N, C-alpha and C. Protein backbone atom coordinates (compact mmCIF):
# COMPACT_ATOMS: atom_id res chain seq x y z
N MET A 1 -42.24 64.20 17.79
CA MET A 1 -42.35 62.98 18.55
C MET A 1 -43.52 63.13 19.52
N ASN A 2 -44.37 62.11 19.58
CA ASN A 2 -45.50 62.19 20.49
C ASN A 2 -45.11 61.74 21.89
N VAL A 3 -46.04 61.87 22.81
CA VAL A 3 -45.76 61.56 24.21
C VAL A 3 -45.40 60.09 24.38
N GLN A 4 -46.12 59.19 23.71
CA GLN A 4 -45.85 57.76 23.87
C GLN A 4 -44.45 57.41 23.37
N GLU A 5 -44.03 58.00 22.27
CA GLU A 5 -42.67 57.75 21.76
C GLU A 5 -41.63 58.23 22.76
N THR A 6 -41.88 59.36 23.38
CA THR A 6 -40.97 59.89 24.39
C THR A 6 -40.88 58.94 25.58
N VAL A 7 -42.02 58.46 26.04
CA VAL A 7 -42.07 57.52 27.17
C VAL A 7 -41.33 56.23 26.81
N ASP A 8 -41.58 55.70 25.62
CA ASP A 8 -40.91 54.47 25.18
C ASP A 8 -39.40 54.63 25.15
N LYS A 9 -38.95 55.75 24.63
CA LYS A 9 -37.51 56.01 24.54
C LYS A 9 -36.90 56.11 25.94
N TYR A 10 -37.58 56.82 26.83
CA TYR A 10 -37.09 56.96 28.20
C TYR A 10 -37.02 55.59 28.89
N GLN A 11 -38.04 54.74 28.67
CA GLN A 11 -38.03 53.40 29.26
C GLN A 11 -36.84 52.58 28.76
N LYS A 12 -36.54 52.68 27.47
CA LYS A 12 -35.39 51.95 26.92
C LYS A 12 -34.09 52.42 27.57
N VAL A 13 -33.97 53.73 27.75
CA VAL A 13 -32.76 54.27 28.38
C VAL A 13 -32.67 53.80 29.83
N MET A 14 -33.80 53.74 30.52
CA MET A 14 -33.79 53.26 31.91
C MET A 14 -33.42 51.77 31.97
N GLU A 15 -33.82 50.99 30.98
CA GLU A 15 -33.43 49.59 30.92
C GLU A 15 -31.92 49.46 30.73
N ILE A 16 -31.35 50.32 29.93
CA ILE A 16 -29.90 50.32 29.73
C ILE A 16 -29.21 50.71 31.04
N ALA A 17 -29.72 51.73 31.71
CA ALA A 17 -29.15 52.15 33.00
C ALA A 17 -29.21 51.02 34.02
N ALA A 18 -30.26 50.21 33.97
CA ALA A 18 -30.40 49.10 34.92
C ALA A 18 -29.34 48.02 34.71
N LYS A 19 -28.71 47.99 33.53
CA LYS A 19 -27.63 47.03 33.28
C LYS A 19 -26.34 47.42 34.00
N ILE A 20 -26.21 48.69 34.34
CA ILE A 20 -25.00 49.17 35.00
C ILE A 20 -24.95 48.57 36.40
N PRO A 21 -23.81 47.98 36.79
CA PRO A 21 -23.71 47.42 38.15
C PRO A 21 -24.02 48.48 39.21
N LYS A 22 -24.70 48.05 40.26
CA LYS A 22 -25.13 48.99 41.30
C LYS A 22 -23.96 49.76 41.91
N GLU A 23 -22.80 49.12 42.01
CA GLU A 23 -21.66 49.82 42.62
C GLU A 23 -21.16 50.98 41.77
N TRP A 24 -21.52 51.01 40.48
CA TRP A 24 -21.14 52.12 39.61
C TRP A 24 -22.17 53.24 39.66
N GLY A 25 -23.34 52.94 40.18
CA GLY A 25 -24.44 53.92 40.16
C GLY A 25 -25.22 53.75 38.88
N GLN A 26 -26.44 53.35 38.98
CA GLN A 26 -27.24 53.02 37.80
C GLN A 26 -27.91 54.28 37.24
N TRP A 27 -27.12 55.12 36.61
CA TRP A 27 -27.64 56.35 36.03
C TRP A 27 -26.91 56.64 34.73
N ILE A 28 -27.59 57.42 33.91
CA ILE A 28 -27.01 57.90 32.65
C ILE A 28 -27.01 59.41 32.75
N SER A 29 -25.86 60.00 32.59
CA SER A 29 -25.72 61.44 32.79
C SER A 29 -25.51 62.17 31.47
N CYS A 30 -26.62 62.31 30.74
CA CYS A 30 -26.63 63.14 29.54
C CYS A 30 -28.08 63.50 29.25
N ASP A 31 -28.27 64.45 28.36
CA ASP A 31 -29.62 64.87 28.02
C ASP A 31 -30.22 64.00 26.93
N LYS A 32 -31.52 64.17 26.73
CA LYS A 32 -32.30 63.30 25.85
C LYS A 32 -31.92 63.36 24.38
N GLY A 33 -31.18 64.38 23.97
CA GLY A 33 -30.76 64.47 22.57
C GLY A 33 -29.87 63.33 22.13
N TRP A 34 -29.22 62.69 23.07
CA TRP A 34 -28.32 61.57 22.76
C TRP A 34 -28.98 60.21 23.00
N TYR A 35 -30.21 60.19 23.46
CA TYR A 35 -30.85 58.91 23.79
C TYR A 35 -30.91 57.96 22.59
N ASP A 36 -31.25 58.46 21.40
CA ASP A 36 -31.31 57.58 20.23
C ASP A 36 -29.95 56.93 19.96
N ILE A 37 -28.89 57.70 20.11
CA ILE A 37 -27.53 57.17 19.90
C ILE A 37 -27.22 56.08 20.92
N ILE A 38 -27.56 56.32 22.16
CA ILE A 38 -27.30 55.35 23.24
C ILE A 38 -28.12 54.08 23.02
N ILE A 39 -29.38 54.22 22.65
CA ILE A 39 -30.24 53.06 22.42
C ILE A 39 -29.70 52.22 21.26
N GLU A 40 -29.33 52.88 20.18
CA GLU A 40 -28.78 52.15 19.02
C GLU A 40 -27.48 51.44 19.39
N LEU A 41 -26.61 52.11 20.12
CA LEU A 41 -25.34 51.49 20.53
C LEU A 41 -25.60 50.28 21.41
N ASP A 42 -26.54 50.38 22.33
CA ASP A 42 -26.86 49.24 23.19
C ASP A 42 -27.33 48.06 22.35
N LYS A 43 -28.16 48.32 21.33
CA LYS A 43 -28.61 47.24 20.44
C LYS A 43 -27.42 46.58 19.75
N GLN A 44 -26.49 47.38 19.25
CA GLN A 44 -25.32 46.85 18.56
C GLN A 44 -24.47 46.00 19.50
N LEU A 45 -24.19 46.53 20.69
CA LEU A 45 -23.34 45.80 21.63
C LEU A 45 -24.02 44.53 22.12
N THR A 46 -25.32 44.58 22.35
CA THR A 46 -26.05 43.39 22.79
C THR A 46 -26.04 42.32 21.71
N TYR A 47 -26.12 42.74 20.46
CA TYR A 47 -26.06 41.80 19.34
C TYR A 47 -24.68 41.12 19.30
N LEU A 48 -23.63 41.92 19.44
CA LEU A 48 -22.27 41.39 19.37
C LEU A 48 -21.90 40.57 20.60
N ILE A 49 -22.24 41.11 21.77
CA ILE A 49 -21.83 40.52 23.05
C ILE A 49 -23.04 40.54 23.97
N PRO A 50 -23.88 39.53 23.90
CA PRO A 50 -25.14 39.56 24.66
C PRO A 50 -24.98 39.77 26.16
N ASN A 51 -23.85 39.39 26.72
CA ASN A 51 -23.66 39.54 28.17
C ASN A 51 -22.80 40.75 28.54
N TYR A 52 -22.72 41.73 27.65
CA TYR A 52 -21.97 42.95 27.98
C TYR A 52 -22.77 43.76 29.00
N TYR A 53 -22.08 44.66 29.68
CA TYR A 53 -22.79 45.60 30.54
C TYR A 53 -22.05 46.94 30.53
N PRO A 54 -22.83 48.03 30.50
CA PRO A 54 -22.20 49.35 30.59
C PRO A 54 -21.78 49.61 32.04
N THR A 55 -20.71 50.37 32.20
CA THR A 55 -20.31 50.78 33.56
C THR A 55 -20.55 52.26 33.79
N GLN A 56 -20.45 53.06 32.73
CA GLN A 56 -20.75 54.49 32.82
C GLN A 56 -21.20 54.98 31.46
N ILE A 57 -22.23 55.82 31.46
CA ILE A 57 -22.68 56.49 30.24
C ILE A 57 -22.91 57.93 30.65
N LYS A 58 -22.11 58.83 30.06
CA LYS A 58 -22.19 60.21 30.53
C LYS A 58 -21.66 61.18 29.49
N GLU A 59 -21.94 62.43 29.74
CA GLU A 59 -21.35 63.54 28.99
C GLU A 59 -20.14 64.01 29.79
N LYS A 60 -19.04 64.19 29.10
CA LYS A 60 -17.85 64.73 29.75
C LYS A 60 -17.14 65.62 28.74
N PHE A 61 -16.92 66.87 29.11
CA PHE A 61 -16.28 67.85 28.24
C PHE A 61 -17.02 67.98 26.91
N GLY A 62 -18.36 67.88 26.96
CA GLY A 62 -19.18 68.04 25.77
C GLY A 62 -19.24 66.83 24.85
N GLU A 63 -18.69 65.71 25.31
CA GLU A 63 -18.67 64.50 24.48
C GLU A 63 -19.31 63.34 25.23
N LEU A 64 -19.90 62.42 24.47
CA LEU A 64 -20.45 61.20 25.04
C LEU A 64 -19.31 60.29 25.44
N ARG A 65 -19.41 59.74 26.62
CA ARG A 65 -18.48 58.71 27.09
C ARG A 65 -19.31 57.48 27.42
N TYR A 66 -18.98 56.37 26.78
CA TYR A 66 -19.72 55.11 26.98
C TYR A 66 -18.70 54.05 27.36
N TYR A 67 -18.66 53.73 28.64
CA TYR A 67 -17.72 52.73 29.15
C TYR A 67 -18.48 51.43 29.38
N TRP A 68 -17.86 50.32 29.01
CA TRP A 68 -18.55 49.03 29.11
C TRP A 68 -17.55 47.93 29.38
N GLU A 69 -18.09 46.77 29.76
CA GLU A 69 -17.27 45.58 30.01
C GLU A 69 -18.00 44.36 29.45
N PRO A 70 -17.26 43.41 28.92
CA PRO A 70 -17.87 42.13 28.56
C PRO A 70 -17.72 41.16 29.72
N GLU A 71 -18.66 40.24 29.83
CA GLU A 71 -18.42 39.14 30.75
C GLU A 71 -17.50 38.18 30.02
N LEU A 72 -16.53 37.65 30.72
CA LEU A 72 -15.53 36.79 30.10
C LEU A 72 -16.00 35.35 30.09
N PRO A 73 -15.51 34.50 29.22
CA PRO A 73 -14.53 34.75 28.16
C PRO A 73 -15.20 35.40 26.95
N ILE A 74 -14.40 36.07 26.15
CA ILE A 74 -14.92 36.79 24.99
C ILE A 74 -13.88 36.74 23.87
N ASP A 75 -14.35 36.66 22.66
CA ASP A 75 -13.49 36.68 21.48
C ASP A 75 -12.92 38.10 21.33
N PRO A 76 -11.60 38.25 21.31
CA PRO A 76 -11.00 39.58 21.20
C PRO A 76 -11.46 40.35 19.95
N MET A 77 -11.77 39.63 18.88
CA MET A 77 -12.25 40.30 17.68
C MET A 77 -13.60 40.99 17.93
N LEU A 78 -14.46 40.36 18.72
CA LEU A 78 -15.74 40.98 19.05
C LEU A 78 -15.53 42.24 19.89
N VAL A 79 -14.56 42.20 20.76
CA VAL A 79 -14.24 43.39 21.56
C VAL A 79 -13.80 44.53 20.65
N ASP A 80 -12.97 44.23 19.67
CA ASP A 80 -12.52 45.26 18.73
C ASP A 80 -13.68 45.85 17.95
N ILE A 81 -14.59 45.00 17.49
CA ILE A 81 -15.76 45.49 16.75
C ILE A 81 -16.64 46.33 17.66
N ALA A 82 -16.85 45.87 18.89
CA ALA A 82 -17.67 46.62 19.84
C ALA A 82 -17.05 47.98 20.13
N GLU A 83 -15.75 48.03 20.29
CA GLU A 83 -15.07 49.31 20.54
C GLU A 83 -15.24 50.26 19.35
N ALA A 84 -15.23 49.72 18.14
CA ALA A 84 -15.47 50.55 16.96
C ALA A 84 -16.89 51.10 16.98
N CYS A 85 -17.85 50.31 17.41
CA CYS A 85 -19.23 50.79 17.53
C CYS A 85 -19.32 51.92 18.56
N VAL A 86 -18.61 51.77 19.67
CA VAL A 86 -18.61 52.81 20.70
C VAL A 86 -18.00 54.09 20.15
N ARG A 87 -16.87 53.98 19.47
CA ARG A 87 -16.23 55.18 18.90
C ARG A 87 -17.15 55.86 17.89
N ASP A 88 -17.86 55.07 17.08
CA ASP A 88 -18.79 55.63 16.11
C ASP A 88 -19.93 56.38 16.82
N ALA A 89 -20.47 55.79 17.86
CA ALA A 89 -21.54 56.45 18.61
C ALA A 89 -21.05 57.74 19.27
N GLU A 90 -19.86 57.69 19.82
CA GLU A 90 -19.30 58.89 20.46
C GLU A 90 -19.07 59.98 19.40
N TYR A 91 -18.66 59.59 18.22
CA TYR A 91 -18.49 60.57 17.13
C TYR A 91 -19.84 61.17 16.74
N LYS A 92 -20.85 60.31 16.56
CA LYS A 92 -22.19 60.80 16.22
C LYS A 92 -22.68 61.80 17.27
N ALA A 93 -22.45 61.48 18.53
CA ALA A 93 -22.88 62.38 19.60
C ALA A 93 -22.15 63.72 19.52
N SER A 94 -20.90 63.70 19.08
CA SER A 94 -20.15 64.96 18.98
C SER A 94 -20.72 65.88 17.91
N LYS A 95 -21.52 65.32 17.01
CA LYS A 95 -22.14 66.09 15.93
C LYS A 95 -23.64 66.29 16.17
N THR A 96 -24.11 65.93 17.36
CA THR A 96 -25.54 65.98 17.69
C THR A 96 -25.75 66.81 18.94
N CYS A 97 -26.77 67.66 18.91
CA CYS A 97 -27.10 68.46 20.10
C CYS A 97 -27.56 67.52 21.21
N GLU A 98 -26.91 67.61 22.34
CA GLU A 98 -27.24 66.76 23.48
C GLU A 98 -28.64 67.05 24.02
N ILE A 99 -29.11 68.24 23.84
CA ILE A 99 -30.41 68.63 24.40
C ILE A 99 -31.56 68.23 23.50
N CYS A 100 -31.47 68.57 22.20
CA CYS A 100 -32.62 68.35 21.31
C CYS A 100 -32.42 67.22 20.30
N GLY A 101 -31.19 66.76 20.11
CA GLY A 101 -30.93 65.69 19.15
C GLY A 101 -30.73 66.17 17.73
N ASP A 102 -30.76 67.47 17.50
CA ASP A 102 -30.59 68.03 16.17
C ASP A 102 -29.12 67.98 15.77
N CYS A 103 -28.87 67.58 14.54
CA CYS A 103 -27.49 67.57 14.07
C CYS A 103 -27.31 68.54 12.90
N SER A 104 -28.36 69.21 12.47
CA SER A 104 -28.24 70.10 11.32
C SER A 104 -27.37 71.32 11.59
N TYR A 105 -27.34 71.77 12.83
CA TYR A 105 -26.54 72.95 13.14
C TYR A 105 -25.04 72.64 13.08
N MET A 106 -24.69 71.35 13.09
CA MET A 106 -23.29 70.95 13.05
C MET A 106 -22.80 70.75 11.62
N GLY A 107 -23.68 70.94 10.64
CA GLY A 107 -23.28 70.77 9.26
C GLY A 107 -23.19 69.33 8.83
N THR A 108 -23.92 68.43 9.53
CA THR A 108 -23.89 67.01 9.15
C THR A 108 -25.18 66.60 8.49
């Protein structure tokens, strides 16, 4: 990955962090190896629920935790689909090195 790609990815992650309400603290607490997973998940959730917002994005006990809320009213079926996307992203992160993004060492 070249420098510009790294900068672009970091900017996307900072845009996601800016969606977090200020009272939650607008930060993402994980290393860059999971940034692609977080960016893709944000795209999916924004597509499903354009007015969603994350409340916390962090590593906890070696796993990605992605907490979010929809602005109401919302179709419960969309919430179920969004939660499935979050679970999928958290699973992908469990098979991906948080530091470098490599998943080959996990046998995937």
